Amino acid sequence: FDLYHGCRVATATFASRDFLGRLGWEKNPAAMMVLTVLHHTLSVSMVIPMNHAYIELDDYRFICFSLLFAAAVCFSLNSYKMTLDVTVRGDFMVFKVITVIQLVTIFYTR
């Protein structure tokens, strides 16, 4: 996911509008590339020293697990949610239930 996402953001930021139009993509503002790079750089540069210093703390391990668990749950549910046909009433209800589960998961783990 991350490699594809990085390549897509870079392409949508720096490629010509003609090329992107053939792909069916829209052009991203340059700030999108900066935010993508900064997000991953910041998370890696913070986690490695924190793992070195605080790995023996139970609370630190619990926080790391909670954040990764929330990401896994939300990413998995989102992948399924995007396959639903929301014009069908039953699928739309499932879509709403999944959205509430994602919201509760994020609020609980944060």
PDB file of N, CA and C in Angstrom:
ATOM      1  N   PHE A   1       0.820  -1.195   0.000  1.00  0.00           N
ATOM      2  CA  PHE A   1       0.000   0.000   0.000  1.00  0.00           C
ATOM      3  C   PHE A   1       0.861   1.255   0.000  1.00  0.00           C
ATOM      4  N   ASP A   2       1.842   1.333   0.862  1.00  0.00           N
ATOM      5  CA  ASP A   2       2.631   2.550   0.975  1.00  0.00           C
ATOM      6  C   ASP A   2       3.442   2.824  -0.286  1.00  0.00           C
ATOM      7  N   LEU A   3       4.015   1.804  -0.876  1.00  0.00           N
ATOM      8  CA  LEU A   3       4.798   2.005  -2.090  1.00  0.00           C
ATOM      9  C   LEU A   3       3.893   2.491  -3.228  1.00  0.00           C
ATOM     10  N   TYR A   4       2.746   1.854  -3.388  1.00  0.00           N
ATOM     11  CA  TYR A   4       1.804   2.274  -4.422  1.00  0.00           C
ATOM     12  C   TYR A   4       1.322   3.701  -4.163  1.00  0.00           C
ATOM     13  N   HIS A   5       0.978   3.971  -2.911  1.00  0.00           N
ATOM     14  CA  HIS A   5       0.466   5.293  -2.560  1.00  0.00           C
ATOM     15  C   HIS A   5       1.519   6.365  -2.834  1.00  0.00           C
ATOM     16  N   GLY A   6       2.762   6.094  -2.465  1.00  0.00           N
ATOM     17  CA  GLY A   6       3.835   7.054  -2.709  1.00  0.00           C
ATOM     18  C   GLY A   6       4.047   7.304  -4.193  1.00  0.00           C
ATOM     19  N   CYS A   7       4.025   6.230  -4.976  1.00  0.00           N
ATOM     20  CA  CYS A   7       4.197   6.373  -6.431  1.00  0.00           C
ATOM     21  C   CYS A   7       3.026   7.132  -7.048  1.00  0.00           C
ATOM     22  N   ARG A   8       1.824   6.860  -6.587  1.00  0.00           N
ATOM     23  CA  ARG A   8       0.660   7.539  -7.145  1.00  0.00           C
ATOM     24  C   ARG A   8       0.671   9.026  -6.801  1.00  0.00           C
ATOM     25  N   VAL A   9       1.005   9.356  -5.540  1.00  0.00           N
ATOM     26  CA  VAL A   9       1.058  10.767  -5.154  1.00  0.00           C
ATOM     27  C   VAL A   9       2.140  11.499  -5.940  1.00  0.00           C
ATOM     28  N   ALA A  10       3.306  10.860  -6.097  1.00  0.00           N
ATOM     29  CA  ALA A  10       4.393  11.490  -6.854  1.00  0.00           C
ATOM     30  C   ALA A  10       3.983  11.697  -8.312  1.00  0.00           C
ATOM     31  N   THR A  11       3.352  10.698  -8.904  1.00  0.00           N
ATOM     32  CA  THR A  11       2.918  10.816 -10.299  1.00  0.00           C
ATOM     33  C   THR A  11       1.852  11.895 -10.442  1.00  0.00           C
ATOM     34  N   ALA A  12       0.870  11.878  -9.540  1.00  0.00           N
ATOM     35  CA  ALA A  12      -0.220  12.857  -9.626  1.00  0.00           C
ATOM     36  C   ALA A  12       0.247  14.269  -9.295  1.00  0.00           C
ATOM     37  N   THR A  13       1.397  14.401  -8.651  1.00  0.00           N
ATOM     38  CA  THR A  13       1.923  15.723  -8.326  1.00  0.00           C
ATOM     39  C   THR A  13       2.776  16.284  -9.458  1.00  0.00           C
ATOM     40  N   PHE A  14       3.617  15.446 -10.053  1.00  0.00           N
ATOM     41  CA  PHE A  14       4.615  15.946 -10.990  1.00  0.00           C
ATOM     42  C   PHE A  14       4.314  15.666 -12.466  1.00  0.00           C
ATOM     43  N   ALA A  15       3.401  14.771 -12.782  1.00  0.00           N
ATOM     44  CA  ALA A  15       3.114  14.448 -14.186  1.00  0.00           C
ATOM     45  C   ALA A  15       2.248  15.538 -14.816  1.00  0.00           C
ATOM     46  N   SER A  16       2.228  15.552 -16.132  1.00  0.00           N
ATOM     47  CA  SER A  16       1.436  16.555 -16.847  1.00  0.00           C
ATOM     48  C   SER A  16      -0.052  16.236 -16.729  1.00  0.00           C
ATOM     49  N   ARG A  17      -0.865  17.261 -16.878  1.00  0.00           N
ATOM     50  CA  ARG A  17      -2.319  17.073 -16.797  1.00  0.00           C
ATOM     51  C   ARG A  17      -2.824  16.174 -17.918  1.00  0.00           C
ATOM     52  N   ASP A  18      -2.194  16.216 -19.086  1.00  0.00           N
ATOM     53  CA  ASP A  18      -2.588  15.375 -20.214  1.00  0.00           C
ATOM     54  C   ASP A  18      -2.383  13.895 -19.866  1.00  0.00           C
ATOM     55  N   PHE A  19      -1.211  13.580 -19.315  1.00  0.00           N
ATOM     56  CA  PHE A  19      -0.915  12.197 -18.929  1.00  0.00           C
ATOM     57  C   PHE A  19      -1.872  11.726 -17.841  1.00  0.00           C
ATOM     58  N   LEU A  20      -2.111  12.567 -16.848  1.00  0.00           N
ATOM     59  CA  LEU A  20      -3.021  12.203 -15.755  1.00  0.00           C
ATOM     60  C   LEU A  20      -4.448  12.028 -16.251  1.00  0.00           C
ATOM     61  N   GLY A  21      -4.840  12.846 -17.229  1.00  0.00           N
ATOM     62  CA  GLY A  21      -6.179  12.725 -17.797  1.00  0.00           C
ATOM     63  C   GLY A  21      -6.392  11.383 -18.472  1.00  0.00           C
ATOM     64  N   ARG A  22      -5.343  10.860 -19.128  1.00  0.00           N
ATOM     65  CA  ARG A  22      -5.448   9.533 -19.750  1.00  0.00           C
ATOM     66  C   ARG A  22      -5.584   8.432 -18.706  1.00  0.00           C
ATOM     67  N   LEU A  23      -5.021   8.660 -17.512  1.00  0.00           N
ATOM     68  CA  LEU A  23      -5.151   7.678 -16.427  1.00  0.00           C
ATOM     69  C   LEU A  23      -6.463   7.834 -15.659  1.00  0.00           C
ATOM     70  N   GLY A  24      -7.134   8.953 -15.858  1.00  0.00           N
ATOM     71  CA  GLY A  24      -8.357   9.222 -15.121  1.00  0.00           C
ATOM     72  C   GLY A  24      -8.089   9.806 -13.741  1.00  0.00           C
ATOM     73  N   TRP A  25      -6.893  10.354 -13.554  1.00  0.00           N
ATOM     74  CA  TRP A  25      -6.515  10.947 -12.275  1.00  0.00           C
ATOM     75  C   TRP A  25      -6.560  12.457 -12.374  1.00  0.00           C
ATOM     76  N   GLU A  26      -6.665  13.095 -11.215  1.00  0.00           N
ATOM     77  CA  GLU A  26      -6.565  14.541 -11.156  1.00  0.00           C
ATOM     78  C   GLU A  26      -5.209  14.925 -10.595  1.00  0.00           C
ATOM     79  N   LYS A  27      -4.763  16.127 -10.923  1.00  0.00           N
ATOM     80  CA  LYS A  27      -3.457  16.593 -10.461  1.00  0.00           C
ATOM     81  C   LYS A  27      -3.528  16.957  -8.980  1.00  0.00           C
ATOM     82  N   ASN A  28      -2.534  16.515  -8.217  1.00  0.00           N
ATOM     83  CA  ASN A  28      -2.429  16.857  -6.796  1.00  0.00           C
ATOM     84  C   ASN A  28      -1.656  18.156  -6.640  1.00  0.00           C
ATOM     85  N   PRO A  29      -1.997  18.931  -5.612  1.00  0.00           N
ATOM     86  CA  PRO A  29      -1.152  20.092  -5.316  1.00  0.00           C
ATOM     87  C   PRO A  29       0.197  19.625  -4.773  1.00  0.00           C
ATOM     88  N   ALA A  30       1.218  20.433  -4.936  1.00  0.00           N
ATOM     89  CA  ALA A  30       2.562  20.053  -4.473  1.00  0.00           C
ATOM     90  C   ALA A  30       2.592  19.810  -2.971  1.00  0.00           C
ATOM     91  N   ALA A  31       1.726  20.476  -2.227  1.00  0.00           N
ATOM     92  CA  ALA A  31       1.684  20.286  -0.772  1.00  0.00           C
ATOM     93  C   ALA A  31       1.336  18.839  -0.415  1.00  0.00           C
ATOM     94  N   MET A  32       0.611  18.149  -1.266  1.00  0.00           N
ATOM     95  CA  MET A  32       0.251  16.754  -1.004  1.00  0.00           C
ATOM     96  C   MET A  32       1.494  15.879  -0.932  1.00  0.00           C
ATOM     97  N   MET A  33       2.429  16.100  -1.817  1.00  0.00           N
ATOM     98  CA  MET A  33       3.676  15.335  -1.815  1.00  0.00           C
ATOM     99  C   MET A  33       4.476  15.643  -0.557  1.00  0.00           C
ATOM    100  N   VAL A  34       4.532  16.905  -0.179  1.00  0.00           N
ATOM    101  CA  VAL A  34       5.262  17.295   1.027  1.00  0.00           C
ATOM    102  C   VAL A  34       4.647  16.633   2.258  1.00  0.00           C
ATOM    103  N   LEU A  35       3.324  16.651   2.367  1.00  0.00           N
ATOM    104  CA  LEU A  35       2.663  16.034   3.517  1.00  0.00           C
ATOM    105  C   LEU A  35       2.892  14.523   3.555  1.00  0.00           C
ATOM    106  N   THR A  36       2.858  13.876   2.408  1.00  0.00           N
ATOM    107  CA  THR A  36       3.095  12.431   2.352  1.00  0.00           C
ATOM    108  C   THR A  36       4.504  12.100   2.811  1.00  0.00           C
ATOM    109  N   VAL A  37       5.477  12.834   2.327  1.00  0.00           N
ATOM    110  CA  VAL A  37       6.874  12.579   2.704  1.00  0.00           C
ATOM    111  C   VAL A  37       7.091  12.887   4.182  1.00  0.00           C
ATOM    112  N   LEU A  38       6.574  14.010   4.650  1.00  0.00           N
ATOM    113  CA  LEU A  38       6.779  14.387   6.048  1.00  0.00           C
ATOM    114  C   LEU A  38       6.100  13.428   7.014  1.00  0.00           C
ATOM    115  N   HIS A  39       4.929  12.948   6.660  1.00  0.00           N
ATOM    116  CA  HIS A  39       4.202  12.024   7.542  1.00  0.00           C
ATOM    117  C   HIS A  39       5.022  10.758   7.800  1.00  0.00           C
ATOM    118  N   HIS A  40       5.508  10.132   6.759  1.00  0.00           N
ATOM    119  CA  HIS A  40       6.255   8.891   6.924  1.00  0.00           C
ATOM    120  C   HIS A  40       7.627   9.132   7.545  1.00  0.00           C
ATOM    121  N   THR A  41       8.286  10.198   7.170  1.00  0.00           N
ATOM    122  CA  THR A  41       9.593  10.517   7.744  1.00  0.00           C
ATOM    123  C   THR A  41       9.481  10.793   9.233  1.00  0.00           C
ATOM    124  N   LEU A  42       8.486  11.555   9.623  1.00  0.00           N
ATOM    125  CA  LEU A  42       8.294  11.879  11.032  1.00  0.00           C
ATOM    126  C   LEU A  42       7.975  10.633  11.847  1.00  0.00           C
ATOM    127  N   SER A  43       7.096   9.781  11.333  1.00  0.00           N
ATOM    128  CA  SER A  43       6.728   8.593  12.108  1.00  0.00           C
ATOM    129  C   SER A  43       7.914   7.649  12.281  1.00  0.00           C
ATOM    130  N   VAL A  44       8.692   7.431  11.239  1.00  0.00           N
ATOM    131  CA  VAL A  44       9.853   6.545  11.351  1.00  0.00           C
ATOM    132  C   VAL A  44      10.921   7.164  12.245  1.00  0.00           C
ATOM    133  N   SER A  45      11.177   8.460  12.101  1.00  0.00           N
ATOM    134  CA  SER A  45      12.225   9.086  12.901  1.00  0.00           C
ATOM    135  C   SER A  45      11.857   9.188  14.373  1.00  0.00           C
ATOM    136  N   MET A  46      10.581   9.129  14.708  1.00  0.00           N
ATOM    137  CA  MET A  46      10.180   9.140  16.112  1.00  0.00           C
ATOM    138  C   MET A  46      10.113   7.743  16.714  1.00  0.00           C
ATOM    139  N   VAL A  47       9.657   6.776  15.953  1.00  0.00           N
ATOM    140  CA  VAL A  47       9.425   5.442  16.509  1.00  0.00           C
ATOM    141  C   VAL A  47      10.729   4.703  16.793  1.00  0.00           C
ATOM    142  N   ILE A  48      11.706   4.819  15.937  1.00  0.00           N
ATOM    143  CA  ILE A  48      12.957   4.072  16.150  1.00  0.00           C
ATOM    144  C   ILE A  48      13.635   4.465  17.462  1.00  0.00           C
ATOM    145  N   PRO A  49      13.836   5.752  17.765  1.00  0.00           N
ATOM    146  CA  PRO A  49      14.430   6.087  19.071  1.00  0.00           C
ATOM    147  C   PRO A  49      13.523   5.727  20.251  1.00  0.00           C
ATOM    148  N   MET A  50      12.209   5.872  20.063  1.00  0.00           N
ATOM    149  CA  MET A  50      11.280   5.517  21.149  1.00  0.00           C
ATOM    150  C   MET A  50      11.342   4.023  21.429  1.00  0.00           C
ATOM    151  N   ASN A  51      11.423   3.195  20.402  1.00  0.00           N
ATOM    152  CA  ASN A  51      11.558   1.754  20.611  1.00  0.00           C
ATOM    153  C   ASN A  51      12.840   1.430  21.367  1.00  0.00           C
ATOM    154  N   HIS A  52      13.891   2.122  21.047  1.00  0.00           N
ATOM    155  CA  HIS A  52      15.173   1.882  21.712  1.00  0.00           C
ATOM    156  C   HIS A  52      15.111   2.269  23.195  1.00  0.00           C
ATOM    157  N   ALA A  53      14.448   3.368  23.508  1.00  0.00           N
ATOM    158  CA  ALA A  53      14.446   3.882  24.879  1.00  0.00           C
ATOM    159  C   ALA A  53      13.350   3.281  25.761  1.00  0.00           C
ATOM    160  N   TYR A  54      12.190   2.985  25.201  1.00  0.00           N
ATOM    161  CA  TYR A  54      11.034   2.645  26.037  1.00  0.00           C
ATOM    162  C   TYR A  54      10.435   1.270  25.769  1.00  0.00           C
ATOM    163  N   ILE A  55      11.133   0.393  25.107  1.00  0.00           N
ATOM    164  CA  ILE A  55      10.548  -0.893  24.722  1.00  0.00           C
ATOM    165  C   ILE A  55      10.151  -1.743  25.924  1.00  0.00           C
ATOM    166  N   GLU A  56      10.781  -1.519  27.081  1.00  0.00           N
ATOM    167  CA  GLU A  56      10.466  -2.330  28.255  1.00  0.00           C
ATOM    168  C   GLU A  56       9.199  -1.858  28.970  1.00  0.00           C
ATOM    169  N   LEU A  57       8.677  -0.700  28.618  1.00  0.00           N
ATOM    170  CA  LEU A  57       7.480  -0.176  29.273  1.00  0.00           C
ATOM    171  C   LEU A  57       6.222  -0.818  28.696  1.00  0.00           C
ATOM    172  N   ASP A  58       5.400  -1.383  29.582  1.00  0.00           N
ATOM    173  CA  ASP A  58       4.154  -2.021  29.132  1.00  0.00           C
ATOM    174  C   ASP A  58       3.210  -1.020  28.475  1.00  0.00           C
ATOM    175  N   ASP A  59       3.116   0.179  29.033  1.00  0.00           N
ATOM    176  CA  ASP A  59       2.214   1.182  28.462  1.00  0.00           C
ATOM    177  C   ASP A  59       2.628   1.589  27.046  1.00  0.00           C
ATOM    178  N   TYR A  60       3.919   1.691  26.827  1.00  0.00           N
ATOM    179  CA  TYR A  60       4.400   2.039  25.477  1.00  0.00           C
ATOM    180  C   TYR A  60       4.036   0.941  24.485  1.00  0.00           C
ATOM    181  N   ARG A  61       4.246  -0.307  24.866  1.00  0.00           N
ATOM    182  CA  ARG A  61       3.894  -1.409  23.971  1.00  0.00           C
ATOM    183  C   ARG A  61       2.388  -1.441  23.719  1.00  0.00           C
ATOM    184  N   PHE A  62       1.592  -1.145  24.752  1.00  0.00           N
ATOM    185  CA  PHE A  62       0.145  -1.123  24.589  1.00  0.00           C
ATOM    186  C   PHE A  62      -0.275  -0.021  23.615  1.00  0.00           C
ATOM    187  N   ILE A  63       0.346   1.160  23.720  1.00  0.00           N
ATOM    188  CA  ILE A  63       0.024   2.264  22.809  1.00  0.00           C
ATOM    189  C   ILE A  63       0.388   1.888  21.372  1.00  0.00           C
ATOM    190  N   CYS A  64       1.567   1.309  21.194  1.00  0.00           N
ATOM    191  CA  CYS A  64       1.976   0.892  19.840  1.00  0.00           C
ATOM    192  C   CYS A  64       1.009  -0.133  19.273  1.00  0.00           C
ATOM    193  N   PHE A  65       0.635  -1.119  20.092  1.00  0.00           N
ATOM    194  CA  PHE A  65      -0.322  -2.127  19.637  1.00  0.00           C
ATOM    195  C   PHE A  65      -1.658  -1.481  19.292  1.00  0.00           C
ATOM    196  N   SER A  66      -2.145  -0.590  20.145  1.00  0.00           N
ATOM    197  CA  SER A  66      -3.449   0.036  19.915  1.00  0.00           C
ATOM    198  C   SER A  66      -3.483   0.791  18.600  1.00  0.00           C
ATOM    199  N   LEU A  67      -2.436   1.552  18.319  1.00  0.00           N
ATOM    200  CA  LEU A  67      -2.406   2.323  17.077  1.00  0.00           C
ATOM    201  C   LEU A  67      -2.328   1.422  15.846  1.00  0.00           C
ATOM    202  N   LEU A  68      -1.496   0.384  15.941  1.00  0.00           N
ATOM    203  CA  LEU A  68      -1.388  -0.540  14.803  1.00  0.00           C
ATOM    204  C   LEU A  68      -2.654  -1.369  14.621  1.00  0.00           C
ATOM    205  N   PHE A  69      -3.278  -1.766  15.724  1.00  0.00           N
ATOM    206  CA  PHE A  69      -4.529  -2.523  15.659  1.00  0.00           C
ATOM    207  C   PHE A  69      -5.638  -1.668  15.039  1.00  0.00           C
ATOM    208  N   ALA A  70      -5.731  -0.412  15.470  1.00  0.00           N
ATOM    209  CA  ALA A  70      -6.745   0.479  14.904  1.00  0.00           C
ATOM    210  C   ALA A  70      -6.527   0.676  13.411  1.00  0.00           C
ATOM    211  N   ALA A  71      -5.270   0.826  13.013  1.00  0.00           N
ATOM    212  CA  ALA A  71      -4.978   0.985  11.587  1.00  0.00           C
ATOM    213  C   ALA A  71      -5.372  -0.264  10.810  1.00  0.00           C
ATOM    214  N   ALA A  72      -5.069  -1.439  11.355  1.00  0.00           N
ATOM    215  CA  ALA A  72      -5.413  -2.689  10.667  1.00  0.00           C
ATOM    216  C   ALA A  72      -6.919  -2.859  10.539  1.00  0.00           C
ATOM    217  N   VAL A  73      -7.647  -2.598  11.619  1.00  0.00           N
ATOM    218  CA  VAL A  73      -9.108  -2.736  11.591  1.00  0.00           C
ATOM    219  C   VAL A  73      -9.713  -1.759  10.590  1.00  0.00           C
ATOM    220  N   CYS A  74      -9.318  -0.499  10.694  1.00  0.00           N
ATOM    221  CA  CYS A  74      -9.910   0.519   9.816  1.00  0.00           C
ATOM    222  C   CYS A  74      -9.539   0.312   8.354  1.00  0.00           C
ATOM    223  N   PHE A  75      -8.297  -0.065   8.092  1.00  0.00           N
ATOM    224  CA  PHE A  75      -7.883  -0.309   6.707  1.00  0.00           C
ATOM    225  C   PHE A  75      -8.630  -1.505   6.125  1.00  0.00           C
ATOM    226  N   SER A  76      -8.748  -2.580   6.900  1.00  0.00           N
ATOM    227  CA  SER A  76      -9.445  -3.778   6.417  1.00  0.00           C
ATOM    228  C   SER A  76     -10.920  -3.494   6.159  1.00  0.00           C
ATOM    229  N   LEU A  77     -11.569  -2.840   7.118  1.00  0.00           N
ATOM    230  CA  LEU A  77     -12.984  -2.523   6.939  1.00  0.00           C
ATOM    231  C   LEU A  77     -13.191  -1.548   5.786  1.00  0.00           C
ATOM    232  N   ASN A  78     -12.282  -0.607   5.629  1.00  0.00           N
ATOM    233  CA  ASN A  78     -12.406   0.358   4.535  1.00  0.00           C
ATOM    234  C   ASN A  78     -12.264  -0.328   3.180  1.00  0.00           C
ATOM    235  N   SER A  79     -11.383  -1.311   3.095  1.00  0.00           N
ATOM    236  CA  SER A  79     -11.225  -2.046   1.840  1.00  0.00           C
ATOM    237  C   SER A  79     -12.517  -2.747   1.455  1.00  0.00           C
ATOM    238  N   TYR A  80     -13.197  -3.332   2.441  1.00  0.00           N
ATOM    239  CA  TYR A  80     -14.484  -3.981   2.159  1.00  0.00           C
ATOM    240  C   TYR A  80     -15.558  -2.934   1.874  1.00  0.00           C
ATOM    241  N   LYS A  81     -15.556  -1.862   2.648  1.00  0.00           N
ATOM    242  CA  LYS A  81     -16.583  -0.828   2.510  1.00  0.00           C
ATOM    243  C   LYS A  81     -16.595  -0.231   1.107  1.00  0.00           C
ATOM    244  N   MET A  82     -15.436  -0.098   0.494  1.00  0.00           N
ATOM    245  CA  MET A  82     -15.365   0.502  -0.833  1.00  0.00           C
ATOM    246  C   MET A  82     -15.875  -0.429  -1.931  1.00  0.00           C
ATOM    247  N   THR A  83     -16.144  -1.694  -1.603  1.00  0.00           N
ATOM    248  CA  THR A  83     -16.708  -2.612  -2.598  1.00  0.00           C
ATOM    249  C   THR A  83     -18.230  -2.614  -2.589  1.00  0.00           C
ATOM    250  N   LEU A  84     -18.837  -1.931  -1.636  1.00  0.00           N
ATOM    251  CA  LEU A  84     -20.293  -1.948  -1.503  1.00  0.00           C
ATOM    252  C   LEU A  84     -20.949  -1.011  -2.509  1.00  0.00           C
ATOM    253  N   ASP A  85     -22.128  -1.399  -2.952  1.00  0.00           N
ATOM    254  CA  ASP A  85     -22.933  -0.565  -3.846  1.00  0.00           C
ATOM    255  C   ASP A  85     -23.913   0.219  -2.979  1.00  0.00           C
ATOM    256  N   VAL A  86     -23.611   1.482  -2.705  1.00  0.00           N
ATOM    257  CA  VAL A  86     -24.417   2.257  -1.762  1.00  0.00           C
ATOM    258  C   VAL A  86     -25.763   2.688  -2.334  1.00  0.00           C
ATOM    259  N   THR A  87     -26.023   2.377  -3.598  1.00  0.00           N
ATOM    260  CA  THR A  87     -27.351   2.661  -4.135  1.00  0.00           C
ATOM    261  C   THR A  87     -28.350   1.594  -3.705  1.00  0.00           C
ATOM    262  N   VAL A  88     -27.852   0.464  -3.229  1.00  0.00           N
ATOM    263  CA  VAL A  88     -28.713  -0.596  -2.688  1.00  0.00           C
ATOM    264  C   VAL A  88     -28.868  -0.341  -1.188  1.00  0.00           C
ATOM    265  N   ARG A  89     -30.085  -0.360  -0.698  1.00  0.00           N
ATOM    266  CA  ARG A  89     -30.361  -0.002   0.700  1.00  0.00           C
ATOM    267  C   ARG A  89     -29.590  -0.870   1.688  1.00  0.00           C
ATOM    268  N   GLY A  90     -29.531  -2.166   1.468  1.00  0.00           N
ATOM    269  CA  GLY A  90     -28.819  -3.060   2.383  1.00  0.00           C
ATOM    270  C   GLY A  90     -27.323  -2.763   2.442  1.00  0.00           C
ATOM    271  N   ASP A  91     -26.728  -2.537   1.290  1.00  0.00           N
ATOM    272  CA  ASP A  91     -25.302  -2.199   1.247  1.00  0.00           C
ATOM    273  C   ASP A  91     -25.027  -0.856   1.899  1.00  0.00           C
ATOM    274  N   PHE A  92     -25.967   0.080   1.733  1.00  0.00           N
ATOM    275  CA  PHE A  92     -25.788   1.386   2.358  1.00  0.00           C
ATOM    276  C   PHE A  92     -25.835   1.274   3.883  1.00  0.00           C
ATOM    277  N   MET A  93     -26.691   0.400   4.396  1.00  0.00           N
ATOM    278  CA  MET A  93     -26.751   0.190   5.851  1.00  0.00           C
ATOM    279  C   MET A  93     -25.454  -0.439   6.356  1.00  0.00           C
ATOM    280  N   VAL A  94     -24.920  -1.406   5.620  1.00  0.00           N
ATOM    281  CA  VAL A  94     -23.638  -2.019   5.985  1.00  0.00           C
ATOM    282  C   VAL A  94     -22.541  -0.962   5.953  1.00  0.00           C
ATOM    283  N   PHE A  95     -22.576  -0.093   4.950  1.00  0.00           N
ATOM    284  CA  PHE A  95     -21.609   1.000   4.840  1.00  0.00           C
ATOM    285  C   PHE A  95     -21.644   1.878   6.091  1.00  0.00           C
ATOM    286  N   LYS A  96     -22.845   2.224   6.548  1.00  0.00           N
ATOM    287  CA  LYS A  96     -22.974   3.072   7.735  1.00  0.00           C
ATOM    288  C   LYS A  96     -22.507   2.355   8.999  1.00  0.00           C
ATOM    289  N   VAL A  97     -22.815   1.071   9.123  1.00  0.00           N
ATOM    290  CA  VAL A  97     -22.381   0.308  10.298  1.00  0.00           C
ATOM    291  C   VAL A  97     -20.852   0.227  10.337  1.00  0.00           C
ATOM    292  N   ILE A  98     -20.242  -0.043   9.202  1.00  0.00           N
ATOM    293  CA  ILE A  98     -18.773  -0.111   9.141  1.00  0.00           C
ATOM    294  C   ILE A  98     -18.163   1.239   9.501  1.00  0.00           C
ATOM    295  N   THR A  99     -18.764   2.322   9.034  1.00  0.00           N
ATOM    296  CA  THR A  99     -18.256   3.654   9.356  1.00  0.00           C
ATOM    297  C   THR A  99     -18.315   3.914  10.860  1.00  0.00           C
ATOM    298  N   VAL A 100     -19.395   3.496  11.508  1.00  0.00           N
ATOM    299  CA  VAL A 100     -19.512   3.668  12.962  1.00  0.00           C
ATOM    300  C   VAL A 100     -18.475   2.812  13.685  1.00  0.00           C
ATOM    301  N   ILE A 101     -18.258   1.578  13.228  1.00  0.00           N
ATOM    302  CA  ILE A 101     -17.241   0.713  13.839  1.00  0.00           C
ATOM    303  C   ILE A 101     -15.861   1.354  13.711  1.00  0.00           C
ATOM    304  N   GLN A 102     -15.554   1.919  12.548  1.00  0.00           N
ATOM    305  CA  GLN A 102     -14.273   2.587  12.363  1.00  0.00           C
ATOM    306  C   GLN A 102     -14.141   3.795  13.301  1.00  0.00           C
ATOM    307  N   LEU A 103     -15.201   4.566  13.428  1.00  0.00           N
ATOM    308  CA  LEU A 103     -15.183   5.740  14.298  1.00  0.00           C
ATOM    309  C   LEU A 103     -14.959   5.342  15.756  1.00  0.00           C
ATOM    310  N   VAL A 104     -15.676   4.330  16.216  1.00  0.00           N
ATOM    311  CA  VAL A 104     -15.525   3.863  17.599  1.00  0.00           C
ATOM    312  C   VAL A 104     -14.113   3.313  17.817  1.00  0.00           C
ATOM    313  N   THR A 105     -13.592   2.575  16.864  1.00  0.00           N
ATOM    314  CA  THR A 105     -12.235   2.029  16.984  1.00  0.00           C
ATOM    315  C   THR A 105     -11.208   3.136  17.117  1.00  0.00           C
ATOM    316  N   ILE A 106     -11.313   4.146  16.282  1.00  0.00           N
ATOM    317  CA  ILE A 106     -10.360   5.264  16.332  1.00  0.00           C
ATOM    318  C   ILE A 106     -10.491   6.024  17.651  1.00  0.00           C
ATOM    319  N   PHE A 107     -11.710   6.337  18.070  1.00  0.00           N
ATOM    320  CA  PHE A 107     -11.887   7.059  19.331  1.00  0.00           C
ATOM    321  C   PHE A 107     -11.387   6.247  20.522  1.00  0.00           C
ATOM    322  N   TYR A 108     -11.641   4.948  20.529  1.00  0.00           N
ATOM    323  CA  TYR A 108     -11.232   4.116  21.658  1.00  0.00           C
ATOM    324  C   TYR A 108      -9.713   3.985  21.738  1.00  0.00           C
ATOM    325  N   THR A 109      -9.069   3.832  20.602  1.00  0.00           N
ATOM    326  CA  THR A 109      -7.617   3.607  20.629  1.00  0.00           C
ATOM    327  C   THR A 109      -6.818   4.899  20.703  1.00  0.00           C
ATOM    328  N   ARG A 110      -7.424   6.017  20.469  1.00  0.00           N
ATOM    329  CA  ARG A 110      -6.696   7.287  20.575  1.00  0.00           C
ATOM    330  C   ARG A 110      -6.857   7.833  21.956  1.00  0.00           C
TER     331      ARG A 110
END
